[in-house]
C-alpha cells in the first residue's frame, strides 16, 4: 500500500473500502463461479485489466515509486492475452496460473 500512498491514495482507506464493500463479496462470488465452471464471460475484459495495470505501473514509474506486485500482475495478464483470453473476463488469468493453455 505504500506505493498507493505515493500516488495520493490513502492505503488504509483504500483497503478498508475494498474489503468492506458489498461489491467485493459480489466480485468474489462471481469469480469463484467462473473458476469452478471454467467459463469466463466478460464483465471486465482481461485486456482492459492489462491496460489499466500498465497505466498504474507507468504512473508509479513516473513518480519514482516501485510497485513490484502490480508489475507482476500486469505481466501475467500480458502473458494470458496471446492465448486468446483478452476478451474473456479478467479472472480468466486463472487459466494461466493453473497451467491451462
PDB file of N, CA and C in Angstrom:
ATOM      1  N   UNK A   1       0.811  -1.196   0.000  1.00  0.00           N
ATOM      2  CA  UNK A   1       0.000   0.000   0.000  1.00  0.00           C
ATOM      3  C   UNK A   1       0.855   1.261   0.000  1.00  0.00           C
ATOM      4  N   UNK A   2       2.125   1.152   0.328  1.00  0.00           N
ATOM      5  CA  UNK A   2       2.972   2.335   0.358  1.00  0.00           C
ATOM      6  C   UNK A   2       2.974   3.013  -1.004  1.00  0.00           C
ATOM      7  N   UNK A   3       3.021   2.225  -2.083  1.00  0.00           N
ATOM      8  CA  UNK A   3       3.016   2.799  -3.417  1.00  0.00           C
ATOM      9  C   UNK A   3       1.768   3.610  -3.689  1.00  0.00           C
ATOM     10  N   UNK A   4       0.636   3.151  -3.214  1.00  0.00           N
ATOM     11  CA  UNK A   4      -0.605   3.884  -3.445  1.00  0.00           C
ATOM     12  C   UNK A   4      -0.613   5.198  -2.684  1.00  0.00           C
ATOM     13  N   UNK A   5       0.004   5.234  -1.519  1.00  0.00           N
ATOM     14  CA  UNK A   5       0.083   6.478  -0.761  1.00  0.00           C
ATOM     15  C   UNK A   5       0.860   7.513  -1.572  1.00  0.00           C
ATOM     16  N   UNK A   6       1.938   7.068  -2.229  1.00  0.00           N
ATOM     17  CA  UNK A   6       2.727   7.967  -3.060  1.00  0.00           C
ATOM     18  C   UNK A   6       1.946   8.498  -4.255  1.00  0.00           C
ATOM     19  N   UNK A   7       0.908   7.789  -4.643  1.00  0.00           N
ATOM     20  CA  UNK A   7       0.069   8.236  -5.758  1.00  0.00           C
ATOM     21  C   UNK A   7      -1.092   9.087  -5.264  1.00  0.00           C
ATOM     22  N   UNK A   8      -1.119   9.395  -3.985  1.00  0.00           N
ATOM     23  CA  UNK A   8      -2.173  10.240  -3.444  1.00  0.00           C
ATOM     24  C   UNK A   8      -3.383   9.478  -2.954  1.00  0.00           C
ATOM     25  N   UNK A   9      -3.252   8.170  -2.790  1.00  0.00           N
ATOM     26  CA  UNK A   9      -4.360   7.359  -2.303  1.00  0.00           C
ATOM     27  C   UNK A   9      -3.984   6.831  -0.926  1.00  0.00           C
ATOM     28  N   UNK A  10      -4.831   7.045   0.039  1.00  0.00           N
ATOM     29  CA  UNK A  10      -4.561   6.555   1.388  1.00  0.00           C
ATOM     30  C   UNK A  10      -4.705   5.035   1.407  1.00  0.00           C
ATOM     31  N   UNK A  11      -3.610   4.339   1.694  1.00  0.00           N
ATOM     32  CA  UNK A  11      -3.608   2.884   1.664  1.00  0.00           C
ATOM     33  C   UNK A  11      -4.631   2.249   2.572  1.00  0.00           C
ATOM     34  N   UNK A  12      -4.683   2.682   3.818  1.00  0.00           N
ATOM     35  CA  UNK A  12      -5.617   2.064   4.760  1.00  0.00           C
ATOM     36  C   UNK A  12      -7.059   2.319   4.352  1.00  0.00           C
ATOM     37  N   UNK A  13      -7.325   3.500   3.849  1.00  0.00           N
ATOM     38  CA  UNK A  13      -8.693   3.826   3.418  1.00  0.00           C
ATOM     39  C   UNK A  13      -9.093   2.986   2.207  1.00  0.00           C
ATOM     40  N   UNK A  14      -8.155   2.831   1.269  1.00  0.00           N
ATOM     41  CA  UNK A  14      -8.464   2.039   0.093  1.00  0.00           C
ATOM     42  C   UNK A  14      -8.733   0.589   0.477  1.00  0.00           C
ATOM     43  N   UNK A  15      -7.888   0.011   1.317  1.00  0.00           N
ATOM     44  CA  UNK A  15      -8.077  -1.375   1.742  1.00  0.00           C
ATOM     45  C   UNK A  15      -9.391  -1.540   2.481  1.00  0.00           C
ATOM     46  N   UNK A  16      -9.694  -0.615   3.361  1.00  0.00           N
ATOM     47  CA  UNK A  16     -10.943  -0.680   4.120  1.00  0.00           C
ATOM     48  C   UNK A  16     -12.149  -0.630   3.188  1.00  0.00           C
ATOM     49  N   UNK A  17     -12.117   0.270   2.230  1.00  0.00           N
ATOM     50  CA  UNK A  17     -13.233   0.398   1.302  1.00  0.00           C
ATOM     51  C   UNK A  17     -13.386  -0.834   0.418  1.00  0.00           C
ATOM     52  N   UNK A  18     -12.277  -1.370  -0.053  1.00  0.00           N
ATOM     53  CA  UNK A  18     -12.345  -2.545  -0.910  1.00  0.00           C
ATOM     54  C   UNK A  18     -12.834  -3.776  -0.151  1.00  0.00           C
ATOM     55  N   UNK A  19     -12.279  -4.004   1.020  1.00  0.00           N
ATOM     56  CA  UNK A  19     -12.591  -5.218   1.754  1.00  0.00           C
ATOM     57  C   UNK A  19     -13.947  -5.186   2.442  1.00  0.00           C
ATOM     58  N   UNK A  20     -14.442  -4.019   2.755  1.00  0.00           N
ATOM     59  CA  UNK A  20     -15.712  -3.923   3.467  1.00  0.00           C
ATOM     60  C   UNK A  20     -16.891  -3.577   2.568  1.00  0.00           C
ATOM     61  N   UNK A  21     -16.643  -3.495   1.285  1.00  0.00           N
ATOM     62  CA  UNK A  21     -17.748  -3.140   0.400  1.00  0.00           C
ATOM     63  C   UNK A  21     -18.539  -4.384   0.032  1.00  0.00           C
ATOM     64  N   UNK A  22     -19.811  -4.204  -0.181  1.00  0.00           N
ATOM     65  CA  UNK A  22     -20.641  -5.299  -0.649  1.00  0.00           C
ATOM     66  C   UNK A  22     -20.198  -5.765  -2.019  1.00  0.00           C
ATOM     67  N   UNK A  23     -19.597  -4.856  -2.761  1.00  0.00           N
ATOM     68  CA  UNK A  23     -19.140  -5.192  -4.104  1.00  0.00           C
ATOM     69  C   UNK A  23     -18.059  -6.255  -4.081  1.00  0.00           C
ATOM     70  N   UNK A  24     -17.162  -6.221  -3.087  1.00  0.00           N
ATOM     71  CA  UNK A  24     -16.087  -7.205  -3.049  1.00  0.00           C
ATOM     72  C   UNK A  24     -16.632  -8.613  -2.895  1.00  0.00           C
ATOM     73  N   UNK A  25     -17.704  -8.779  -2.136  1.00  0.00           N
ATOM     74  CA  UNK A  25     -18.322 -10.095  -1.975  1.00  0.00           C
ATOM     75  C   UNK A  25     -18.941 -10.546  -3.295  1.00  0.00           C
ATOM     76  N   UNK A  26     -19.576  -9.639  -4.002  1.00  0.00           N
ATOM     77  CA  UNK A  26     -20.173  -9.962  -5.308  1.00  0.00           C
ATOM     78  C   UNK A  26     -19.085 -10.396  -6.284  1.00  0.00           C
ATOM     79  N   UNK A  27     -17.994  -9.640  -6.336  1.00  0.00           N
ATOM     80  CA  UNK A  27     -16.894  -9.978  -7.253  1.00  0.00           C
ATOM     81  C   UNK A  27     -16.296 -11.319  -6.872  1.00  0.00           C
ATOM     82  N   UNK A  28     -16.081 -11.558  -5.591  1.00  0.00           N
ATOM     83  CA  UNK A  28     -15.507 -12.839  -5.155  1.00  0.00           C
ATOM     84  C   UNK A  28     -16.406 -13.998  -5.561  1.00  0.00           C
ATOM     85  N   UNK A  29     -17.700 -13.885  -5.298  1.00  0.00           N
ATOM     86  CA  UNK A  29     -18.621 -14.978  -5.630  1.00  0.00           C
ATOM     87  C   UNK A  29     -18.697 -15.213  -7.133  1.00  0.00           C
ATOM     88  N   UNK A  30     -18.718 -14.156  -7.914  1.00  0.00           N
ATOM     89  CA  UNK A  30     -18.756 -14.295  -9.363  1.00  0.00           C
ATOM     90  C   UNK A  30     -17.486 -14.969  -9.867  1.00  0.00           C
ATOM     91  N   UNK A  31     -16.353 -14.497  -9.398  1.00  0.00           N
ATOM     92  CA  UNK A  31     -15.080 -15.047  -9.838  1.00  0.00           C
ATOM     93  C   UNK A  31     -14.952 -16.504  -9.427  1.00  0.00           C
ATOM     94  N   UNK A  32     -15.382 -16.824  -8.238  1.00  0.00           N
ATOM     95  CA  UNK A  32     -15.344 -18.210  -7.756  1.00  0.00           C
ATOM     96  C   UNK A  32     -16.134 -19.109  -8.694  1.00  0.00           C
ATOM     97  N   UNK A  33     -17.330 -18.682  -9.097  1.00  0.00           N
ATOM     98  CA  UNK A  33     -18.151 -19.475 -10.009  1.00  0.00           C
ATOM     99  C   UNK A  33     -17.495 -19.620 -11.374  1.00  0.00           C
ATOM    100  N   UNK A  34     -16.858 -18.566 -11.859  1.00  0.00           N
ATOM    101  CA  UNK A  34     -16.177 -18.644 -13.149  1.00  0.00           C
ATOM    102  C   UNK A  34     -15.081 -19.707 -13.102  1.00  0.00           C
ATOM    103  N   UNK A  35     -14.306 -19.698 -12.039  1.00  0.00           N
ATOM    104  CA  UNK A  35     -13.196 -20.642 -11.903  1.00  0.00           C
ATOM    105  C   UNK A  35     -13.716 -22.065 -11.777  1.00  0.00           C
ATOM    106  N   UNK A  36     -14.742 -22.267 -10.959  1.00  0.00           N
ATOM    107  CA  UNK A  36     -15.300 -23.604 -10.768  1.00  0.00           C
ATOM    108  C   UNK A  36     -15.796 -24.182 -12.087  1.00  0.00           C
ATOM    109  N   UNK A  37     -16.462 -23.362 -12.890  1.00  0.00           N
ATOM    110  CA  UNK A  37     -17.056 -23.832 -14.149  1.00  0.00           C
ATOM    111  C   UNK A  37     -16.148 -23.629 -15.360  1.00  0.00           C
ATOM    112  N   UNK A  38     -14.974 -23.040 -15.144  1.00  0.00           N
ATOM    113  CA  UNK A  38     -14.003 -22.769 -16.209  1.00  0.00           C
ATOM    114  C   UNK A  38     -14.643 -22.030 -17.387  1.00  0.00           C
ATOM    115  N   UNK A  39     -15.505 -21.100 -17.050  1.00  0.00           N
ATOM    116  CA  UNK A  39     -16.145 -20.234 -18.050  1.00  0.00           C
ATOM    117  C   UNK A  39     -15.985 -18.808 -17.547  1.00  0.00           C
ATOM    118  N   UNK A  40     -15.572 -17.915 -18.424  1.00  0.00           N
ATOM    119  CA  UNK A  40     -15.217 -16.562 -18.020  1.00  0.00           C
ATOM    120  C   UNK A  40     -15.901 -15.508 -18.892  1.00  0.00           C
ATOM    121  N   UNK A  41     -17.258 -15.422 -18.805  1.00  0.00           N
ATOM    122  CA  UNK A  41     -17.937 -14.392 -19.599  1.00  0.00           C
ATOM    123  C   UNK A  41     -17.465 -13.004 -19.152  1.00  0.00           C
ATOM    124  N   UNK A  42     -17.161 -12.177 -20.117  1.00  0.00           N
ATOM    125  CA  UNK A  42     -16.525 -10.895 -19.810  1.00  0.00           C
ATOM    126  C   UNK A  42     -17.485  -9.906 -19.174  1.00  0.00           C
ATOM    127  N   UNK A  43     -17.158  -9.527 -17.964  1.00  0.00           N
ATOM    128  CA  UNK A  43     -17.782  -8.360 -17.328  1.00  0.00           C
ATOM    129  C   UNK A  43     -16.772  -7.226 -17.345  1.00  0.00           C
ATOM    130  N   UNK A  44     -15.518  -7.581 -17.150  1.00  0.00           N
ATOM    131  CA  UNK A  44     -14.408  -6.638 -17.300  1.00  0.00           C
ATOM    132  C   UNK A  44     -13.306  -7.411 -18.019  1.00  0.00           C
ATOM    133  N   UNK A  45     -13.129  -7.168 -19.317  1.00  0.00           N
ATOM    134  CA  UNK A  45     -12.204  -7.976 -20.108  1.00  0.00           C
ATOM    135  C   UNK A  45     -10.769  -7.966 -19.587  1.00  0.00           C
ATOM    136  N   UNK A  46     -10.136  -9.098 -19.726  1.00  0.00           N
ATOM    137  CA  UNK A  46      -8.751  -9.279 -19.314  1.00  0.00           C
ATOM    138  C   UNK A  46      -7.845  -8.239 -19.968  1.00  0.00           C
ATOM    139  N   UNK A  47      -8.082  -7.938 -21.239  1.00  0.00           N
ATOM    140  CA  UNK A  47      -7.222  -6.950 -21.909  1.00  0.00           C
ATOM    141  C   UNK A  47      -7.373  -5.561 -21.297  1.00  0.00           C
ATOM    142  N   UNK A  48      -8.530  -5.245 -20.741  1.00  0.00           N
ATOM    143  CA  UNK A  48      -8.706  -3.953 -20.071  1.00  0.00           C
ATOM    144  C   UNK A  48      -7.951  -3.933 -18.741  1.00  0.00           C
ATOM    145  N   UNK A  49      -7.953  -5.068 -18.049  1.00  0.00           N
ATOM    146  CA  UNK A  49      -7.183  -5.148 -16.800  1.00  0.00           C
ATOM    147  C   UNK A  49      -5.702  -4.965 -17.101  1.00  0.00           C
ATOM    148  N   UNK A  50      -5.224  -5.585 -18.170  1.00  0.00           N
ATOM    149  CA  UNK A  50      -3.820  -5.446 -18.550  1.00  0.00           C
ATOM    150  C   UNK A  50      -3.489  -3.981 -18.824  1.00  0.00           C
ATOM    151  N   UNK A  51      -4.355  -3.308 -19.583  1.00  0.00           N
ATOM    152  CA  UNK A  51      -4.141  -1.889 -19.900  1.00  0.00           C
ATOM    153  C   UNK A  51      -4.125  -1.046 -18.625  1.00  0.00           C
ATOM    154  N   UNK A  52      -5.084  -1.289 -17.728  1.00  0.00           N
ATOM    155  CA  UNK A  52      -5.158  -0.497 -16.501  1.00  0.00           C
ATOM    156  C   UNK A  52      -3.938  -0.723 -15.612  1.00  0.00           C
ATOM    157  N   UNK A  53      -3.483  -1.963 -15.528  1.00  0.00           N
ATOM    158  CA  UNK A  53      -2.276  -2.235 -14.742  1.00  0.00           C
ATOM    159  C   UNK A  53      -1.055  -1.574 -15.377  1.00  0.00           C
ATOM    160  N   UNK A  54      -1.027  -1.517 -16.689  1.00  0.00           N
ATOM    161  CA  UNK A  54       0.060  -0.814 -17.370  1.00  0.00           C
ATOM    162  C   UNK A  54       0.041   0.676 -16.998  1.00  0.00           C
ATOM    163  N   UNK A  55      -1.145   1.273 -16.983  1.00  0.00           N
ATOM    164  CA  UNK A  55      -1.250   2.699 -16.639  1.00  0.00           C
ATOM    165  C   UNK A  55      -0.837   2.948 -15.186  1.00  0.00           C
ATOM    166  N   UNK A  56      -1.191   2.034 -14.289  1.00  0.00           N
ATOM    167  CA  UNK A  56      -0.774   2.153 -12.885  1.00  0.00           C
ATOM    168  C   UNK A  56       0.746   2.088 -12.799  1.00  0.00           C
ATOM    169  N   UNK A  57       1.336   1.090 -13.478  1.00  0.00           N
ATOM    170  CA  UNK A  57       2.793   0.926 -13.446  1.00  0.00           C
ATOM    171  C   UNK A  57       3.494   2.140 -14.035  1.00  0.00           C
ATOM    172  N   UNK A  58       2.971   2.666 -15.122  1.00  0.00           N
ATOM    173  CA  UNK A  58       3.565   3.837 -15.762  1.00  0.00           C
ATOM    174  C   UNK A  58       3.495   5.064 -14.848  1.00  0.00           C
ATOM    175  N   UNK A  59       2.352   5.259 -14.226  1.00  0.00           N
ATOM    176  CA  UNK A  59       2.184   6.399 -13.321  1.00  0.00           C
ATOM    177  C   UNK A  59       3.118   6.283 -12.119  1.00  0.00           C
ATOM    178  N   UNK A  60       3.234   5.092 -11.581  1.00  0.00           N
ATOM    179  CA  UNK A  60       4.140   4.881 -10.446  1.00  0.00           C
ATOM    180  C   UNK A  60       5.587   5.125 -10.861  1.00  0.00           C
ATOM    181  N   UNK A  61       5.958   4.624 -12.029  1.00  0.00           N
ATOM    182  CA  UNK A  61       7.324   4.819 -12.531  1.00  0.00           C
ATOM    183  C   UNK A  61       7.650   6.304 -12.663  1.00  0.00           C
ATOM    184  N   UNK A  62       6.707   7.066 -13.211  1.00  0.00           N
ATOM    185  CA  UNK A  62       6.919   8.499 -13.394  1.00  0.00           C
ATOM    186  C   UNK A  62       7.108   9.228 -12.069  1.00  0.00           C
ATOM    187  N   UNK A  63       6.612   8.652 -10.999  1.00  0.00           N
ATOM    188  CA  UNK A  63       6.736   9.262  -9.669  1.00  0.00           C
ATOM    189  C   UNK A  63       7.857   8.622  -8.838  1.00  0.00           C
ATOM    190  N   UNK A  64       8.577   7.684  -9.444  1.00  0.00           N
ATOM    191  CA  UNK A  64       9.685   7.037  -8.750  1.00  0.00           C
ATOM    192  C   UNK A  64       9.235   6.057  -7.683  1.00  0.00           C
ATOM    193  N   UNK A  65       8.075   5.468  -7.887  1.00  0.00           N
ATOM    194  CA  UNK A  65       7.515   4.534  -6.912  1.00  0.00           C
ATOM    195  C   UNK A  65       7.583   3.123  -7.478  1.00  0.00           C
ATOM    196  N   UNK A  66       8.091   2.196  -6.696  1.00  0.00           N
ATOM    197  CA  UNK A  66       8.170   0.796  -7.117  1.00  0.00           C
ATOM    198  C   UNK A  66       6.890   0.070  -6.711  1.00  0.00           C
ATOM    199  N   UNK A  67       6.271  -0.594  -7.672  1.00  0.00           N
ATOM    200  CA  UNK A  67       5.083  -1.411  -7.411  1.00  0.00           C
ATOM    201  C   UNK A  67       5.328  -2.807  -8.001  1.00  0.00           C
ATOM    202  N   UNK A  68       6.194  -3.589  -7.372  1.00  0.00           N
ATOM    203  CA  UNK A  68       6.567  -4.872  -7.968  1.00  0.00           C
ATOM    204  C   UNK A  68       5.390  -5.831  -8.162  1.00  0.00           C
ATOM    205  N   UNK A  69       4.447  -5.863  -7.252  1.00  0.00           N
ATOM    206  CA  UNK A  69       3.323  -6.784  -7.418  1.00  0.00           C
ATOM    207  C   UNK A  69       2.375  -6.326  -8.523  1.00  0.00           C
ATOM    208  N   UNK A  70       2.190  -5.040  -8.666  1.00  0.00           N
ATOM    209  CA  UNK A  70       1.362  -4.531  -9.764  1.00  0.00           C
ATOM    210  C   UNK A  70       2.030  -4.845 -11.098  1.00  0.00           C
ATOM    211  N   UNK A  71       3.350  -4.701 -11.154  1.00  0.00           N
ATOM    212  CA  UNK A  71       4.070  -5.025 -12.388  1.00  0.00           C
ATOM    213  C   UNK A  71       4.010  -6.521 -12.691  1.00  0.00           C
ATOM    214  N   UNK A  72       4.104  -7.337 -11.669  1.00  0.00           N
ATOM    215  CA  UNK A  72       3.979  -8.785 -11.863  1.00  0.00           C
ATOM    216  C   UNK A  72       2.588  -9.130 -12.390  1.00  0.00           C
ATOM    217  N   UNK A  73       1.553  -8.548 -11.792  1.00  0.00           N
ATOM    218  CA  UNK A  73       0.186  -8.790 -12.258  1.00  0.00           C
ATOM    219  C   UNK A  73       0.030  -8.338 -13.704  1.00  0.00           C
ATOM    220  N   UNK A  74       0.567  -7.172 -14.031  1.00  0.00           N
ATOM    221  CA  UNK A  74       0.494  -6.665 -15.410  1.00  0.00           C
ATOM    222  C   UNK A  74       1.113  -7.661 -16.376  1.00  0.00           C
ATOM    223  N   UNK A  75       2.263  -8.202 -16.029  1.00  0.00           N
ATOM    224  CA  UNK A  75       2.937  -9.165 -16.908  1.00  0.00           C
ATOM    225  C   UNK A  75       2.140 -10.456 -17.035  1.00  0.00           C
ATOM    226  N   UNK A  76       1.518 -10.908 -15.952  1.00  0.00           N
ATOM    227  CA  UNK A  76       0.694 -12.122 -16.023  1.00  0.00           C
ATOM    228  C   UNK A  76      -0.484 -11.922 -16.970  1.00  0.00           C
ATOM    229  N   UNK A  77      -1.148 -10.777 -16.870  1.00  0.00           N
ATOM    230  CA  UNK A  77      -2.256 -10.501 -17.783  1.00  0.00           C
ATOM    231  C   UNK A  77      -1.745 -10.394 -19.217  1.00  0.00           C
ATOM    232  N   UNK A  78      -0.570  -9.829 -19.398  1.00  0.00           N
ATOM    233  CA  UNK A  78       0.024  -9.759 -20.728  1.00  0.00           C
ATOM    234  C   UNK A  78       0.330 -11.135 -21.297  1.00  0.00           C
ATOM    235  N   UNK A  79       0.783 -12.056 -20.449  1.00  0.00           N
ATOM    236  CA  UNK A  79       1.065 -13.419 -20.894  1.00  0.00           C
ATOM    237  C   UNK A  79      -0.200 -14.173 -21.263  1.00  0.00           C
ATOM    238  N   UNK A  80      -1.315 -13.832 -20.649  1.00  0.00           N
ATOM    239  CA  UNK A  80      -2.578 -14.524 -20.907  1.00  0.00           C
ATOM    240  C   UNK A  80      -3.213 -14.113 -22.232  1.00  0.00           C
ATOM    241  N   UNK A  81      -2.939 -12.912 -22.688  1.00  0.00           N
ATOM    242  CA  UNK A  81      -3.580 -12.403 -23.910  1.00  0.00           C
ATOM    243  C   UNK A  81      -3.284 -13.233 -25.161  1.00  0.00           C
ATOM    244  N   UNK A  82      -2.050 -13.688 -25.399  1.00  0.00           N
ATOM    245  CA  UNK A  82      -1.785 -14.463 -26.616  1.00  0.00           C
ATOM    246  C   UNK A  82      -2.566 -15.788 -26.706  1.00  0.00           C
ATOM    247  N   UNK A  83      -3.108 -16.248 -25.595  1.00  0.00           N
ATOM    248  CA  UNK A  83      -3.907 -17.473 -25.615  1.00  0.00           C
ATOM    249  C   UNK A  83      -5.338 -17.215 -26.079  1.00  0.00           C
ATOM    250  N   UNK A  84      -5.630 -15.973 -26.410  1.00  0.00           N
ATOM    251  CA  UNK A  84      -6.965 -15.641 -26.889  1.00  0.00           C
ATOM    252  C   UNK A  84      -7.959 -15.322 -25.792  1.00  0.00           C
ATOM    253  N   UNK A  85      -7.462 -15.016 -24.604  1.00  0.00           N
ATOM    254  CA  UNK A  85      -8.343 -14.750 -23.466  1.00  0.00           C
ATOM    255  C   UNK A  85      -8.566 -13.263 -23.224  1.00  0.00           C
ATOM    256  N   UNK A  86      -8.100 -12.417 -24.106  1.00  0.00           N
ATOM    257  CA  UNK A  86      -8.198 -10.971 -23.916  1.00  0.00           C
ATOM    258  C   UNK A  86      -9.622 -10.468 -23.771  1.00  0.00           C
ATOM    259  N   UNK A  87     -10.563 -11.097 -24.465  1.00  0.00           N
ATOM    260  CA  UNK A  87     -11.961 -10.675 -24.385  1.00  0.00           C
ATOM    261  C   UNK A  87     -12.725 -11.392 -23.274  1.00  0.00           C
ATOM    262  N   UNK A  88     -12.103 -12.395 -22.644  1.00  0.00           N
ATOM    263  CA  UNK A  88     -12.716 -13.071 -21.505  1.00  0.00           C
ATOM    264  C   UNK A  88     -12.621 -12.176 -20.275  1.00  0.00           C
ATOM    265  N   UNK A  89     -13.354 -12.517 -19.244  1.00  0.00           N
ATOM    266  CA  UNK A  89     -13.290 -11.760 -18.003  1.00  0.00           C
ATOM    267  C   UNK A  89     -11.860 -11.775 -17.458  1.00  0.00           C
ATOM    268  N   UNK A  90     -11.500 -10.736 -16.732  1.00  0.00           N
ATOM    269  CA  UNK A  90     -10.132 -10.640 -16.201  1.00  0.00           C
ATOM    270  C   UNK A  90      -9.771 -11.826 -15.318  1.00  0.00           C
ATOM    271  N   UNK A  91     -10.766 -12.481 -14.739  1.00  0.00           N
ATOM    272  CA  UNK A  91     -10.500 -13.642 -13.887  1.00  0.00           C
ATOM    273  C   UNK A  91     -10.003 -14.843 -14.693  1.00  0.00           C
ATOM    274  N   UNK A  92     -10.066 -14.764 -16.025  1.00  0.00           N
ATOM    275  CA  UNK A  92      -9.559 -15.845 -16.865  1.00  0.00           C
ATOM    276  C   UNK A  92      -8.051 -16.012 -16.724  1.00  0.00           C
ATOM    277  N   UNK A  93      -7.380 -15.068 -16.090  1.00  0.00           N
ATOM    278  CA  UNK A  93      -5.943 -15.224 -15.837  1.00  0.00           C
ATOM    279  C   UNK A  93      -5.710 -16.483 -14.993  1.00  0.00           C
ATOM    280  N   UNK A  94      -6.742 -16.944 -14.322  1.00  0.00           N
ATOM    281  CA  UNK A  94      -6.657 -18.197 -13.563  1.00  0.00           C
ATOM    282  C   UNK A  94      -6.195 -19.343 -14.463  1.00  0.00           C
ATOM    283  N   UNK A  95      -6.646 -19.330 -15.701  1.00  0.00           N
ATOM    284  CA  UNK A  95      -6.241 -20.399 -16.627  1.00  0.00           C
ATOM    285  C   UNK A  95      -4.725 -20.455 -16.755  1.00  0.00           C
ATOM    286  N   UNK A  96      -4.101 -19.322 -16.866  1.00  0.00           N
ATOM    287  CA  UNK A  96      -2.647 -19.259 -16.982  1.00  0.00           C
ATOM    288  C   UNK A  96      -1.993 -19.752 -15.687  1.00  0.00           C
ATOM    289  N   UNK A  97      -2.504 -19.284 -14.578  1.00  0.00           N
ATOM    290  CA  UNK A  97      -1.930 -19.636 -13.270  1.00  0.00           C
ATOM    291  C   UNK A  97      -2.102 -21.105 -12.935  1.00  0.00           C
ATOM    292  N   UNK A  98      -3.150 -21.732 -13.490  1.00  0.00           N
ATOM    293  CA  UNK A  98      -3.399 -23.141 -13.197  1.00  0.00           C
ATOM    294  C   UNK A  98      -2.765 -24.064 -14.241  1.00  0.00           C
ATOM    295  N   UNK A  99      -2.081 -23.477 -15.226  1.00  0.00           N
ATOM    296  CA  UNK A  99      -1.381 -24.278 -16.228  1.00  0.00           C
ATOM    297  C   UNK A  99      -2.224 -24.647 -17.426  1.00  0.00           C
ATOM    298  N   UNK A 100      -3.431 -24.111 -17.559  1.00  0.00           N
ATOM    299  CA  UNK A 100      -4.261 -24.390 -18.735  1.00  0.00           C
ATOM    300  C   UNK A 100      -3.711 -23.599 -19.919  1.00  0.00           C
ATOM    301  N   UNK A 101      -3.774 -24.184 -21.066  1.00  0.00           N
ATOM    302  CA  UNK A 101      -3.331 -23.488 -22.276  1.00  0.00           C
ATOM    303  C   UNK A 101      -4.330 -23.736 -23.374  1.00  0.00           C
TER     304      UNK A 101
END
